[in-house]
Amino acid sequence: ILTFDPKDARAKKISPDIMREIAEETISRMGLKEHQALVYAHRDTDHPHMHFLINRVHPVEGKAYSRHEDGKRLTELCRDIARERGLNIPNDRTRVREHRSRRYSADADRRGLLAGQTR
C-alpha cells in the first residue's frame, strides 16, 4: 500500500493522474516494470492510497523477484518520490514503532522494570 498525506489531498496535489504516474514510477524503480501488476487507488479514508498486487514471477524469464529488504527499499523510494514531487514525506511506521518501543523501554528502565525489579 502506498499512502498519501491527507494535507496533500486537501491541497489538491493528489489527482487520479498523479496517482497513476506515481504508481508507474514506483513499479519501474522497484525493477518490476515487466511484471504483471494491478493497482487499485481509492479515497475511502481521509488519505488517498493505492494497493499494489504484483506478480513476483517474471512473465518471460520465470524468475521470481527477490523481496529481500523490500520494505526498506520501498520506504526510501516513496520518500524520494515525495521529495521530487513536493509532497509531504510519509511517516515510516517502522521508525515510529521503534521510537515508541525505545521510549517505553527507557521509561521502564528508569522505573527499574527491565532489571526484574518490581514495585
PDB file of N, CA and C in Angstrom:
ATOM      1  N   ILE A   1       0.847  -1.176   0.000  1.00  0.00           N
ATOM      2  CA  ILE A   1       0.000   0.000   0.000  1.00  0.00           C
ATOM      3  C   ILE A   1       0.892   1.238   0.000  1.00  0.00           C
ATOM      4  N   LEU A   2       0.545   2.192  -0.820  1.00  0.00           N
ATOM      5  CA  LEU A   2       1.241   3.476  -0.847  1.00  0.00           C
ATOM      6  C   LEU A   2       0.198   4.525  -0.458  1.00  0.00           C
ATOM      7  N   THR A   3       0.461   5.245   0.623  1.00  0.00           N
ATOM      8  CA  THR A   3      -0.495   6.191   1.188  1.00  0.00           C
ATOM      9  C   THR A   3       0.009   7.624   1.056  1.00  0.00           C
ATOM     10  N   PHE A   4      -0.911   8.525   0.772  1.00  0.00           N
ATOM     11  CA  PHE A   4      -0.577   9.935   0.649  1.00  0.00           C
ATOM     12  C   PHE A   4      -1.067  10.699   1.867  1.00  0.00           C
ATOM     13  N   ASP A   5      -0.394  11.789   2.169  1.00  0.00           N
ATOM     14  CA  ASP A   5      -0.758  12.632   3.304  1.00  0.00           C
ATOM     15  C   ASP A   5      -2.095  13.325   3.028  1.00  0.00           C
ATOM     16  N   PRO A   6      -3.014  13.312   3.997  1.00  0.00           N
ATOM     17  CA  PRO A   6      -4.297  13.997   3.814  1.00  0.00           C
ATOM     18  C   PRO A   6      -4.139  15.487   3.484  1.00  0.00           C
ATOM     19  N   LYS A   7      -3.087  16.119   3.992  1.00  0.00           N
ATOM     20  CA  LYS A   7      -2.856  17.544   3.691  1.00  0.00           C
ATOM     21  C   LYS A   7      -2.606  17.745   2.196  1.00  0.00           C
ATOM     22  N   ASP A   8      -1.866  16.813   1.574  1.00  0.00           N
ATOM     23  CA  ASP A   8      -1.634  16.904   0.132  1.00  0.00           C
ATOM     24  C   ASP A   8      -2.936  16.705  -0.637  1.00  0.00           C
ATOM     25  N   ALA A   9      -3.796  15.824  -0.137  1.00  0.00           N
ATOM     26  CA  ALA A   9      -5.083  15.593  -0.793  1.00  0.00           C
ATOM     27  C   ALA A   9      -5.947  16.852  -0.712  1.00  0.00           C
ATOM     28  N   ARG A  10      -5.995  17.468   0.469  1.00  0.00           N
ATOM     29  CA  ARG A  10      -6.792  18.691   0.638  1.00  0.00           C
ATOM     30  C   ARG A  10      -6.246  19.840  -0.221  1.00  0.00           C
ATOM     31  N   ALA A  11      -4.928  19.855  -0.440  1.00  0.00           N
ATOM     32  CA  ALA A  11      -4.305  20.892  -1.267  1.00  0.00           C
ATOM     33  C   ALA A  11      -4.410  20.572  -2.763  1.00  0.00           C
ATOM     34  N   LYS A  12      -5.134  19.493  -3.077  1.00  0.00           N
ATOM     35  CA  LYS A  12      -5.363  19.070  -4.464  1.00  0.00           C
ATOM     36  C   LYS A  12      -4.072  18.711  -5.198  1.00  0.00           C
ATOM     37  N   LYS A  13      -3.087  18.199  -4.461  1.00  0.00           N
ATOM     38  CA  LYS A  13      -1.831  17.761  -5.072  1.00  0.00           C
ATOM     39  C   LYS A  13      -1.906  16.304  -5.540  1.00  0.00           C
ATOM     40  N   ILE A  14      -2.978  15.612  -5.150  1.00  0.00           N
ATOM     41  CA  ILE A  14      -3.106  14.186  -5.460  1.00  0.00           C
ATOM     42  C   ILE A  14      -4.341  13.958  -6.327  1.00  0.00           C
ATOM     43  N   SER A  15      -4.136  13.928  -7.626  1.00  0.00           N
ATOM     44  CA  SER A  15      -5.222  13.650  -8.566  1.00  0.00           C
ATOM     45  C   SER A  15      -5.101  12.203  -9.043  1.00  0.00           C
ATOM     46  N   PRO A  16      -6.136  11.679  -9.692  1.00  0.00           N
ATOM     47  CA  PRO A  16      -6.012  10.326 -10.249  1.00  0.00           C
ATOM     48  C   PRO A  16      -4.836  10.191 -11.219  1.00  0.00           C
ATOM     49  N   ASP A  17      -4.588  11.233 -12.020  1.00  0.00           N
ATOM     50  CA  ASP A  17      -3.454  11.184 -12.961  1.00  0.00           C
ATOM     51  C   ASP A  17      -2.116  11.131 -12.215  1.00  0.00           C
ATOM     52  N   ILE A  18      -1.988  11.922 -11.152  1.00  0.00           N
ATOM     53  CA  ILE A  18      -0.751  11.930 -10.358  1.00  0.00           C
ATOM     54  C   ILE A  18      -0.557  10.565  -9.708  1.00  0.00           C
ATOM     55  N   MET A  19      -1.636  10.003  -9.163  1.00  0.00           N
ATOM     56  CA  MET A  19      -1.539   8.684  -8.534  1.00  0.00           C
ATOM     57  C   MET A  19      -1.091   7.629  -9.554  1.00  0.00           C
ATOM     58  N   ARG A  20      -1.629   7.708 -10.774  1.00  0.00           N
ATOM     59  CA  ARG A  20      -1.250   6.763 -11.837  1.00  0.00           C
ATOM     60  C   ARG A  20       0.237   6.914 -12.169  1.00  0.00           C
ATOM     61  N   GLU A  21       0.694   8.161 -12.303  1.00  0.00           N
ATOM     62  CA  GLU A  21       2.118   8.404 -12.597  1.00  0.00           C
ATOM     63  C   GLU A  21       3.005   7.843 -11.490  1.00  0.00           C
ATOM     64  N   ILE A  22       2.630   8.098 -10.255  1.00  0.00           N
ATOM     65  CA  ILE A  22       3.437   7.632  -9.124  1.00  0.00           C
ATOM     66  C   ILE A  22       3.433   6.103  -9.056  1.00  0.00           C
ATOM     67  N   ALA A  23       2.302   5.481  -9.345  1.00  0.00           N
ATOM     68  CA  ALA A  23       2.240   4.014  -9.358  1.00  0.00           C
ATOM     69  C   ALA A  23       3.190   3.453 -10.414  1.00  0.00           C
ATOM     70  N   GLU A  24       3.144   3.998 -11.628  1.00  0.00           N
ATOM     71  CA  GLU A  24       4.024   3.536 -12.702  1.00  0.00           C
ATOM     72  C   GLU A  24       5.491   3.751 -12.349  1.00  0.00           C
ATOM     73  N   GLU A  25       5.783   4.902 -11.779  1.00  0.00           N
ATOM     74  CA  GLU A  25       7.158   5.229 -11.386  1.00  0.00           C
ATOM     75  C   GLU A  25       7.652   4.285 -10.288  1.00  0.00           C
ATOM     76  N   THR A  26       6.807   4.015  -9.324  1.00  0.00           N
ATOM     77  CA  THR A  26       7.168   3.116  -8.221  1.00  0.00           C
ATOM     78  C   THR A  26       7.477   1.723  -8.743  1.00  0.00           C
ATOM     79  N   ILE A  27       6.603   1.202  -9.582  1.00  0.00           N
ATOM     80  CA  ILE A  27       6.797  -0.136 -10.140  1.00  0.00           C
ATOM     81  C   ILE A  27       8.081  -0.189 -10.962  1.00  0.00           C
ATOM     82  N   SER A  28       8.323   0.838 -11.753  1.00  0.00           N
ATOM     83  CA  SER A  28       9.530   0.886 -12.577  1.00  0.00           C
ATOM     84  C   SER A  28      10.796   0.939 -11.718  1.00  0.00           C
ATOM     85  N   ARG A  29      10.817   1.819 -10.715  1.00  0.00           N
ATOM     86  CA  ARG A  29      12.007   1.965  -9.871  1.00  0.00           C
ATOM     87  C   ARG A  29      12.264   0.726  -9.016  1.00  0.00           C
ATOM     88  N   MET A  30      11.219  -0.043  -8.742  1.00  0.00           N
ATOM     89  CA  MET A  30      11.406  -1.292  -7.989  1.00  0.00           C
ATOM     90  C   MET A  30      11.939  -2.400  -8.901  1.00  0.00           C
ATOM     91  N   GLY A  31      12.026  -2.119 -10.203  1.00  0.00           N
ATOM     92  CA  GLY A  31      12.519  -3.118 -11.151  1.00  0.00           C
ATOM     93  C   GLY A  31      11.456  -4.130 -11.539  1.00  0.00           C
ATOM     94  N   LEU A  32      10.189  -3.724 -11.457  1.00  0.00           N
ATOM     95  CA  LEU A  32       9.094  -4.645 -11.718  1.00  0.00           C
ATOM     96  C   LEU A  32       8.244  -4.232 -12.922  1.00  0.00           C
ATOM     97  N   LYS A  33       8.795  -3.405 -13.775  1.00  0.00           N
ATOM     98  CA  LYS A  33       8.049  -2.853 -14.906  1.00  0.00           C
ATOM     99  C   LYS A  33       7.521  -3.938 -15.846  1.00  0.00           C
ATOM    100  N   GLU A  34       8.260  -5.010 -16.001  1.00  0.00           N
ATOM    101  CA  GLU A  34       7.845  -6.064 -16.919  1.00  0.00           C
ATOM    102  C   GLU A  34       6.934  -7.102 -16.261  1.00  0.00           C
ATOM    103  N   HIS A  35       6.701  -6.975 -14.966  1.00  0.00           N
ATOM    104  CA  HIS A  35       5.865  -7.939 -14.244  1.00  0.00           C
ATOM    105  C   HIS A  35       4.387  -7.560 -14.354  1.00  0.00           C
ATOM    106  N   GLN A  36       3.526  -8.553 -14.221  1.00  0.00           N
ATOM    107  CA  GLN A  36       2.092  -8.292 -14.189  1.00  0.00           C
ATOM    108  C   GLN A  36       1.783  -7.523 -12.912  1.00  0.00           C
ATOM    109  N   ALA A  37       0.948  -6.495 -13.043  1.00  0.00           N
ATOM    110  CA  ALA A  37       0.629  -5.671 -11.871  1.00  0.00           C
ATOM    111  C   ALA A  37      -0.819  -5.187 -11.951  1.00  0.00           C
ATOM    112  N   LEU A  38      -1.402  -5.066 -10.782  1.00  0.00           N
ATOM    113  CA  LEU A  38      -2.723  -4.481 -10.631  1.00  0.00           C
ATOM    114  C   LEU A  38      -2.614  -3.438  -9.534  1.00  0.00           C
ATOM    115  N   VAL A  39      -3.040  -2.223  -9.825  1.00  0.00           N
ATOM    116  CA  VAL A  39      -3.006  -1.142  -8.841  1.00  0.00           C
ATOM    117  C   VAL A  39      -4.436  -0.641  -8.678  1.00  0.00           C
ATOM    118  N   TYR A  40      -4.876  -0.581  -7.446  1.00  0.00           N
ATOM    119  CA  TYR A  40      -6.214  -0.093  -7.140  1.00  0.00           C
ATOM    120  C   TYR A  40      -6.078   1.124  -6.232  1.00  0.00           C
ATOM    121  N   ALA A  41      -6.529   2.260  -6.721  1.00  0.00           N
ATOM    122  CA  ALA A  41      -6.443   3.509  -5.954  1.00  0.00           C
ATOM    123  C   ALA A  41      -7.840   3.921  -5.524  1.00  0.00           C
ATOM    124  N   HIS A  42      -7.926   4.418  -4.284  1.00  0.00           N
ATOM    125  CA  HIS A  42      -9.215   4.907  -3.821  1.00  0.00           C
ATOM    126  C   HIS A  42      -9.057   5.873  -2.656  1.00  0.00           C
ATOM    127  N   ARG A  43     -10.173   6.497  -2.314  1.00  0.00           N
ATOM    128  CA  ARG A  43     -10.206   7.526  -1.275  1.00  0.00           C
ATOM    129  C   ARG A  43     -11.316   7.231  -0.276  1.00  0.00           C
ATOM    130  N   ASP A  44     -11.334   6.037   0.273  1.00  0.00           N
ATOM    131  CA  ASP A  44     -12.373   5.702   1.244  1.00  0.00           C
ATOM    132  C   ASP A  44     -12.016   6.178   2.648  1.00  0.00           C
ATOM    133  N   THR A  45     -10.862   6.797   2.788  1.00  0.00           N
ATOM    134  CA  THR A  45     -10.418   7.379   4.052  1.00  0.00           C
ATOM    135  C   THR A  45      -9.976   8.804   3.757  1.00  0.00           C
ATOM    136  N   ASP A  46      -9.512   9.523   4.771  1.00  0.00           N
ATOM    137  CA  ASP A  46      -9.063  10.902   4.531  1.00  0.00           C
ATOM    138  C   ASP A  46      -7.741  10.963   3.782  1.00  0.00           C
ATOM    139  N   HIS A  47      -7.066   9.837   3.663  1.00  0.00           N
ATOM    140  CA  HIS A  47      -5.804   9.813   2.913  1.00  0.00           C
ATOM    141  C   HIS A  47      -5.957   8.897   1.692  1.00  0.00           C
ATOM    142  N   PRO A  48      -5.787   9.462   0.501  1.00  0.00           N
ATOM    143  CA  PRO A  48      -5.831   8.627  -0.699  1.00  0.00           C
ATOM    144  C   PRO A  48      -4.720   7.586  -0.632  1.00  0.00           C
ATOM    145  N   HIS A  49      -4.986   6.408  -1.153  1.00  0.00           N
ATOM    146  CA  HIS A  49      -3.955   5.387  -1.147  1.00  0.00           C
ATOM    147  C   HIS A  49      -4.152   4.410  -2.307  1.00  0.00           C
ATOM    148  N   MET A  50      -3.077   3.677  -2.587  1.00  0.00           N
ATOM    149  CA  MET A  50      -3.091   2.701  -3.669  1.00  0.00           C
ATOM    150  C   MET A  50      -2.647   1.348  -3.121  1.00  0.00           C
ATOM    151  N   HIS A  51      -3.324   0.318  -3.582  1.00  0.00           N
ATOM    152  CA  HIS A  51      -2.942  -1.054  -3.261  1.00  0.00           C
ATOM    153  C   HIS A  51      -2.262  -1.633  -4.496  1.00  0.00           C
ATOM    154  N   PHE A  52      -1.148  -2.302  -4.290  1.00  0.00           N
ATOM    155  CA  PHE A  52      -0.396  -2.908  -5.390  1.00  0.00           C
ATOM    156  C   PHE A  52      -0.438  -4.426  -5.261  1.00  0.00           C
ATOM    157  N   LEU A  53      -0.786  -5.098  -6.338  1.00  0.00           N
ATOM    158  CA  LEU A  53      -0.665  -6.546  -6.431  1.00  0.00           C
ATOM    159  C   LEU A  53       0.253  -6.808  -7.618  1.00  0.00           C
ATOM    160  N   ILE A  54       1.412  -7.383  -7.342  1.00  0.00           N
ATOM    161  CA  ILE A  54       2.400  -7.574  -8.403  1.00  0.00           C
ATOM    162  C   ILE A  54       2.850  -9.027  -8.401  1.00  0.00           C
ATOM    163  N   ASN A  55       2.823  -9.627  -9.578  1.00  0.00           N
ATOM    164  CA  ASN A  55       3.288 -10.998  -9.724  1.00  0.00           C
ATOM    165  C   ASN A  55       4.807 -11.008  -9.583  1.00  0.00           C
ATOM    166  N   ARG A  56       5.308 -11.730  -8.575  1.00  0.00           N
ATOM    167  CA  ARG A  56       6.759 -11.779  -8.339  1.00  0.00           C
ATOM    168  C   ARG A  56       7.501 -12.497  -9.460  1.00  0.00           C
ATOM    169  N   VAL A  57       6.822 -13.375 -10.182  1.00  0.00           N
ATOM    170  CA  VAL A  57       7.474 -14.180 -11.218  1.00  0.00           C
ATOM    171  C   VAL A  57       7.431 -13.430 -12.547  1.00  0.00           C
ATOM    172  N   HIS A  58       8.630 -13.237 -13.125  1.00  0.00           N
ATOM    173  CA  HIS A  58       8.742 -12.550 -14.413  1.00  0.00           C
ATOM    174  C   HIS A  58       7.995 -13.367 -15.465  1.00  0.00           C
ATOM    175  N   PRO A  59       7.169 -12.724 -16.301  1.00  0.00           N
ATOM    176  CA  PRO A  59       6.331 -13.467 -17.248  1.00  0.00           C
ATOM    177  C   PRO A  59       7.096 -14.209 -18.346  1.00  0.00           C
ATOM    178  N   VAL A  60       8.312 -13.796 -18.657  1.00  0.00           N
ATOM    179  CA  VAL A  60       9.086 -14.446 -19.719  1.00  0.00           C
ATOM    180  C   VAL A  60      10.214 -15.296 -19.133  1.00  0.00           C
ATOM    181  N   GLU A  61      10.974 -14.710 -18.228  1.00  0.00           N
ATOM    182  CA  GLU A  61      12.136 -15.394 -17.661  1.00  0.00           C
ATOM    183  C   GLU A  61      11.758 -16.450 -16.629  1.00  0.00           C
ATOM    184  N   GLY A  62      10.591 -16.296 -16.002  1.00  0.00           N
ATOM    185  CA  GLY A  62      10.159 -17.262 -14.992  1.00  0.00           C
ATOM    186  C   GLY A  62      10.913 -17.152 -13.682  1.00  0.00           C
ATOM    187  N   LYS A  63      11.693 -16.105 -13.542  1.00  0.00           N
ATOM    188  CA  LYS A  63      12.492 -15.906 -12.327  1.00  0.00           C
ATOM    189  C   LYS A  63      11.708 -15.046 -11.338  1.00  0.00           C
ATOM    190  N   ALA A  64      11.731 -15.451 -10.055  1.00  0.00           N
ATOM    191  CA  ALA A  64      10.991 -14.717  -9.026  1.00  0.00           C
ATOM    192  C   ALA A  64      11.780 -13.501  -8.554  1.00  0.00           C
ATOM    193  N   TYR A  65      11.081 -12.416  -8.368  1.00  0.00           N
ATOM    194  CA  TYR A  65      11.649 -11.187  -7.827  1.00  0.00           C
ATOM    195  C   TYR A  65      11.969 -11.420  -6.349  1.00  0.00           C
ATOM    196  N   SER A  66      13.140 -11.011  -5.921  1.00  0.00           N
ATOM    197  CA  SER A  66      13.532 -11.164  -4.522  1.00  0.00           C
ATOM    198  C   SER A  66      12.926 -10.037  -3.696  1.00  0.00           C
ATOM    199  N   ARG A  67      12.247 -10.406  -2.626  1.00  0.00           N
ATOM    200  CA  ARG A  67      11.624  -9.410  -1.757  1.00  0.00           C
ATOM    201  C   ARG A  67      12.541  -9.026  -0.594  1.00  0.00           C
ATOM    202  N   HIS A  68      13.796  -9.432  -0.648  1.00  0.00           N
ATOM    203  CA  HIS A  68      14.748  -9.124   0.425  1.00  0.00           C
ATOM    204  C   HIS A  68      14.853  -7.610   0.615  1.00  0.00           C
ATOM    205  N   GLU A  69      14.592  -7.156   1.836  1.00  0.00           N
ATOM    206  CA  GLU A  69      14.669  -5.742   2.213  1.00  0.00           C
ATOM    207  C   GLU A  69      13.747  -4.865   1.374  1.00  0.00           C
ATOM    208  N   ASP A  70      12.668  -5.450   0.889  1.00  0.00           N
ATOM    209  CA  ASP A  70      11.694  -4.738   0.065  1.00  0.00           C
ATOM    210  C   ASP A  70      11.099  -3.545   0.799  1.00  0.00           C
ATOM    211  N   GLY A  71      10.765  -3.721   2.076  1.00  0.00           N
ATOM    212  CA  GLY A  71      10.151  -2.647   2.854  1.00  0.00           C
ATOM    213  C   GLY A  71      11.043  -1.431   2.938  1.00  0.00           C
ATOM    214  N   LYS A  72      12.323  -1.655   3.212  1.00  0.00           N
ATOM    215  CA  LYS A  72      13.269  -0.535   3.301  1.00  0.00           C
ATOM    216  C   LYS A  72      13.411   0.167   1.954  1.00  0.00           C
ATOM    217  N   ARG A  73      13.534  -0.622   0.891  1.00  0.00           N
ATOM    218  CA  ARG A  73      13.685  -0.038  -0.449  1.00  0.00           C
ATOM    219  C   ARG A  73      12.463   0.783  -0.821  1.00  0.00           C
ATOM    220  N   LEU A  74      11.273   0.245  -0.533  1.00  0.00           N
ATOM    221  CA  LEU A  74      10.049   0.944  -0.882  1.00  0.00           C
ATOM    222  C   LEU A  74       9.881   2.217  -0.055  1.00  0.00           C
ATOM    223  N   THR A  75      10.238   2.165   1.218  1.00  0.00           N
ATOM    224  CA  THR A  75      10.147   3.351   2.072  1.00  0.00           C
ATOM    225  C   THR A  75      11.040   4.462   1.524  1.00  0.00           C
ATOM    226  N   GLU A  76      12.275   4.145   1.195  1.00  0.00           N
ATOM    227  CA  GLU A  76      13.188   5.159   0.653  1.00  0.00           C
ATOM    228  C   GLU A  76      12.698   5.670  -0.695  1.00  0.00           C
ATOM    229  N   LEU A  77      12.198   4.766  -1.506  1.00  0.00           N
ATOM    230  CA  LEU A  77      11.680   5.153  -2.818  1.00  0.00           C
ATOM    231  C   LEU A  77      10.511   6.128  -2.658  1.00  0.00           C
ATOM    232  N   CYS A  78       9.610   5.840  -1.751  1.00  0.00           N
ATOM    233  CA  CYS A  78       8.458   6.733  -1.517  1.00  0.00           C
ATOM    234  C   CYS A  78       8.911   8.095  -1.011  1.00  0.00           C
ATOM    235  N   ARG A  79       9.903   8.099  -0.135  1.00  0.00           N
ATOM    236  CA  ARG A  79      10.446   9.370   0.345  1.00  0.00           C
ATOM    237  C   ARG A  79      11.048  10.168  -0.811  1.00  0.00           C
ATOM    238  N   ASP A  80      11.785   9.496  -1.694  1.00  0.00           N
ATOM    239  CA  ASP A  80      12.394  10.170  -2.842  1.00  0.00           C
ATOM    240  C   ASP A  80      11.328  10.761  -3.767  1.00  0.00           C
ATOM    241  N   ILE A  81      10.312   9.965  -4.077  1.00  0.00           N
ATOM    242  CA  ILE A  81       9.252  10.437  -4.971  1.00  0.00           C
ATOM    243  C   ILE A  81       8.523  11.621  -4.341  1.00  0.00           C
ATOM    244  N   ALA A  82       8.250  11.546  -3.040  1.00  0.00           N
ATOM    245  CA  ALA A  82       7.571  12.650  -2.355  1.00  0.00           C
ATOM    246  C   ALA A  82       8.407  13.924  -2.439  1.00  0.00           C
ATOM    247  N   ARG A  83       9.718  13.812  -2.186  1.00  0.00           N
ATOM    248  CA  ARG A  83      10.605  14.986  -2.268  1.00  0.00           C
ATOM    249  C   ARG A  83      10.601  15.571  -3.677  1.00  0.00           C
ATOM    250  N   GLU A  84      10.735  14.694  -4.677  1.00  0.00           N
ATOM    251  CA  GLU A  84      10.811  15.140  -6.068  1.00  0.00           C
ATOM    252  C   GLU A  84       9.534  15.840  -6.519  1.00  0.00           C
ATOM    253  N   ARG A  85       8.412  15.447  -5.957  1.00  0.00           N
ATOM    254  CA  ARG A  85       7.116  15.990  -6.372  1.00  0.00           C
ATOM    255  C   ARG A  85       6.575  17.053  -5.415  1.00  0.00           C
ATOM    256  N   GLY A  86       7.350  17.405  -4.408  1.00  0.00           N
ATOM    257  CA  GLY A  86       6.919  18.432  -3.473  1.00  0.00           C
ATOM    258  C   GLY A  86       5.773  17.994  -2.572  1.00  0.00           C
ATOM    259  N   LEU A  87       5.715  16.705  -2.285  1.00  0.00           N
ATOM    260  CA  LEU A  87       4.680  16.166  -1.398  1.00  0.00           C
ATOM    261  C   LEU A  87       5.238  15.991   0.000  1.00  0.00           C
ATOM    262  N   ASN A  88       4.352  15.890   0.969  1.00  0.00           N
ATOM    263  CA  ASN A  88       4.786  15.623   2.337  1.00  0.00           C
ATOM    264  C   ASN A  88       5.397  14.235   2.428  1.00  0.00           C
ATOM    265  N   ILE A  89       6.435  14.113   3.232  1.00  0.00           N
ATOM    266  CA  ILE A  89       7.105  12.826   3.418  1.00  0.00           C
ATOM    267  C   ILE A  89       6.233  11.959   4.320  1.00  0.00           C
ATOM    268  N   PRO A  90       5.892  10.759   3.860  1.00  0.00           N
ATOM    269  CA  PRO A  90       5.060   9.894   4.700  1.00  0.00           C
ATOM    270  C   PRO A  90       5.815   9.403   5.923  1.00  0.00           C
ATOM    271  N   ASN A  91       5.069   9.158   6.993  1.00  0.00           N
ATOM    272  CA  ASN A  91       5.674   8.596   8.196  1.00  0.00           C
ATOM    273  C   ASN A  91       6.096   7.168   7.928  1.00  0.00           C
ATOM    274  N   ASP A  92       7.224   6.794   8.470  1.00  0.00           N
ATOM    275  CA  ASP A  92       7.695   5.419   8.380  1.00  0.00           C
ATOM    276  C   ASP A  92       7.189   4.700   9.621  1.00  0.00           C
ATOM    277  N   ARG A  93       6.200   3.827   9.454  1.00  0.00           N
ATOM    278  CA  ARG A  93       5.587   3.142  10.593  1.00  0.00           C
ATOM    279  C   ARG A  93       6.597   2.354  11.404  1.00  0.00           C
ATOM    280  N   THR A  94       7.587   1.769  10.739  1.00  0.00           N
ATOM    281  CA  THR A  94       8.601   1.002  11.460  1.00  0.00           C
ATOM    282  C   THR A  94       9.377   1.909  12.390  1.00  0.00           C
ATOM    283  N   ARG A  95       9.790   3.087  11.895  1.00  0.00           N
ATOM    284  CA  ARG A  95      10.532   4.027  12.741  1.00  0.00           C
ATOM    285  C   ARG A  95       9.675   4.521  13.894  1.00  0.00           C
ATOM    286  N   VAL A  96       8.397   4.767  13.638  1.00  0.00           N
ATOM    287  CA  VAL A  96       7.507   5.218  14.701  1.00  0.00           C
ATOM    288  C   VAL A  96       7.389   4.143  15.771  1.00  0.00           C
ATOM    289  N   ARG A  97       7.196   2.880  15.356  1.00  0.00           N
ATOM    290  CA  ARG A  97       7.101   1.771  16.320  1.00  0.00           C
ATOM    291  C   ARG A  97       8.399   1.623  17.110  1.00  0.00           C
ATOM    292  N   GLU A  98       9.553   1.706  16.409  1.00  0.00           N
ATOM    293  CA  GLU A  98      10.842   1.582  17.099  1.00  0.00           C
ATOM    294  C   GLU A  98      11.024   2.711  18.109  1.00  0.00           C
ATOM    295  N   HIS A  99      10.631   3.929  17.721  1.00  0.00           N
ATOM    296  CA  HIS A  99      10.744   5.069  18.627  1.00  0.00           C
ATOM    297  C   HIS A  99       9.881   4.839  19.869  1.00  0.00           C
ATOM    298  N   ARG A 100       8.654   4.397  19.672  1.00  0.00           N
ATOM    299  CA  ARG A 100       7.766   4.130  20.805  1.00  0.00           C
ATOM    300  C   ARG A 100       8.332   3.025  21.683  1.00  0.00           C
ATOM    301  N   SER A 101       8.882   1.996  21.052  1.00  0.00           N
ATOM    302  CA  SER A 101       9.450   0.874  21.807  1.00  0.00           C
ATOM    303  C   SER A 101      10.654   1.327  22.636  1.00  0.00           C
ATOM    304  N   ARG A 102      11.530   2.136  22.033  1.00  0.00           N
ATOM    305  CA  ARG A 102      12.694   2.653  22.767  1.00  0.00           C
ATOM    306  C   ARG A 102      12.250   3.527  23.925  1.00  0.00           C
ATOM    307  N   ARG A 103      11.234   4.386  23.665  1.00  0.00           N
ATOM    308  CA  ARG A 103      10.731   5.268  24.710  1.00  0.00           C
ATOM    309  C   ARG A 103      10.125   4.442  25.851  1.00  0.00           C
ATOM    310  N   TYR A 104       9.376   3.403  25.522  1.00  0.00           N
ATOM    311  CA  TYR A 104       8.780   2.540  26.541  1.00  0.00           C
ATOM    312  C   TYR A 104       9.875   1.840  27.343  1.00  0.00           C
ATOM    313  N   SER A 105      10.891   1.322  26.639  1.00  0.00           N
ATOM    314  CA  SER A 105      11.994   0.638  27.319  1.00  0.00           C
ATOM    315  C   SER A 105      12.743   1.582  28.247  1.00  0.00           C
ATOM    316  N   ALA A 106      12.974   2.817  27.790  1.00  0.00           N
ATOM    317  CA  ALA A 106      13.678   3.794  28.620  1.00  0.00           C
ATOM    318  C   ALA A 106      12.855   4.128  29.860  1.00  0.00           C
ATOM    319  N   ASP A 107      11.537   4.296  29.674  1.00  0.00           N
ATOM    320  CA  ASP A 107      10.664   4.576  30.826  1.00  0.00           C
ATOM    321  C   ASP A 107      10.670   3.403  31.799  1.00  0.00           C
ATOM    322  N   ALA A 108      10.564   2.203  31.272  1.00  0.00           N
ATOM    323  CA  ALA A 108      10.546   1.012  32.124  1.00  0.00           C
ATOM    324  C   ALA A 108      11.883   0.852  32.846  1.00  0.00           C
ATOM    325  N   ASP A 109      12.975   1.145  32.136  1.00  0.00           N
ATOM    326  CA  ASP A 109      14.296   1.028  32.737  1.00  0.00           C
ATOM    327  C   ASP A 109      14.457   2.017  33.886  1.00  0.00           C
ATOM    328  N   ARG A 110      13.971   3.247  33.670  1.00  0.00           N
ATOM    329  CA  ARG A 110      14.038   4.255  34.739  1.00  0.00           C
ATOM    330  C   ARG A 110      13.259   3.799  35.968  1.00  0.00           C
ATOM    331  N   ARG A 111      12.194   3.078  35.753  1.00  0.00           N
ATOM    332  CA  ARG A 111      11.388   2.610  36.880  1.00  0.00           C
ATOM    333  C   ARG A 111      11.918   1.293  37.445  1.00  0.00           C
ATOM    334  N   GLY A 112      12.971   0.761  36.824  1.00  0.00           N
ATOM    335  CA  GLY A 112      13.575  -0.475  37.318  1.00  0.00           C
ATOM    336  C   GLY A 112      12.833  -1.725  36.889  1.00  0.00           C
ATOM    337  N   LEU A 113      11.969  -1.606  35.891  1.00  0.00           N
ATOM    338  CA  LEU A 113      11.159  -2.747  35.490  1.00  0.00           C
ATOM    339  C   LEU A 113      11.892  -3.718  34.577  1.00  0.00           C
ATOM    340  N   LEU A 114      12.883  -3.244  33.829  1.00  0.00           N
ATOM    341  CA  LEU A 114      13.590  -4.132  32.917  1.00  0.00           C
ATOM    342  C   LEU A 114      14.623  -4.988  33.634  1.00  0.00           C
ATOM    343  N   ALA A 115      15.046  -4.557  34.776  1.00  0.00           N
ATOM    344  CA  ALA A 115      16.053  -5.315  35.527  1.00  0.00           C
ATOM    345  C   ALA A 115      15.395  -6.378  36.414  1.00  0.00           C
ATOM    346  N   GLY A 116      14.118  -6.606  36.221  1.00  0.00           N
ATOM    347  CA  GLY A 116      13.436  -7.625  37.006  1.00  0.00           C
ATOM    348  C   GLY A 116      12.939  -7.120  38.353  1.00  0.00           C
ATOM    349  N   GLN A 117      13.074  -5.842  38.598  1.00  0.00           N
ATOM    350  CA  GLN A 117      12.622  -5.281  39.860  1.00  0.00           C
ATOM    351  C   GLN A 117      11.127  -5.057  39.800  1.00  0.00           C
ATOM    352  N   THR A 118      10.483  -5.125  40.912  1.00  0.00           N
ATOM    353  CA  THR A 118       9.048  -4.845  40.967  1.00  0.00           C
ATOM    354  C   THR A 118       8.816  -3.720  41.957  1.00  0.00           C
ATOM    355  N   ARG A 119       7.711  -3.109  41.815  1.00  0.00           N
ATOM    356  CA  ARG A 119       7.351  -2.006  42.723  1.00  0.00           C
ATOM    357  C   ARG A 119       6.167  -2.394  43.536  1.00  0.00           C
TER     358      ARG A 119
END
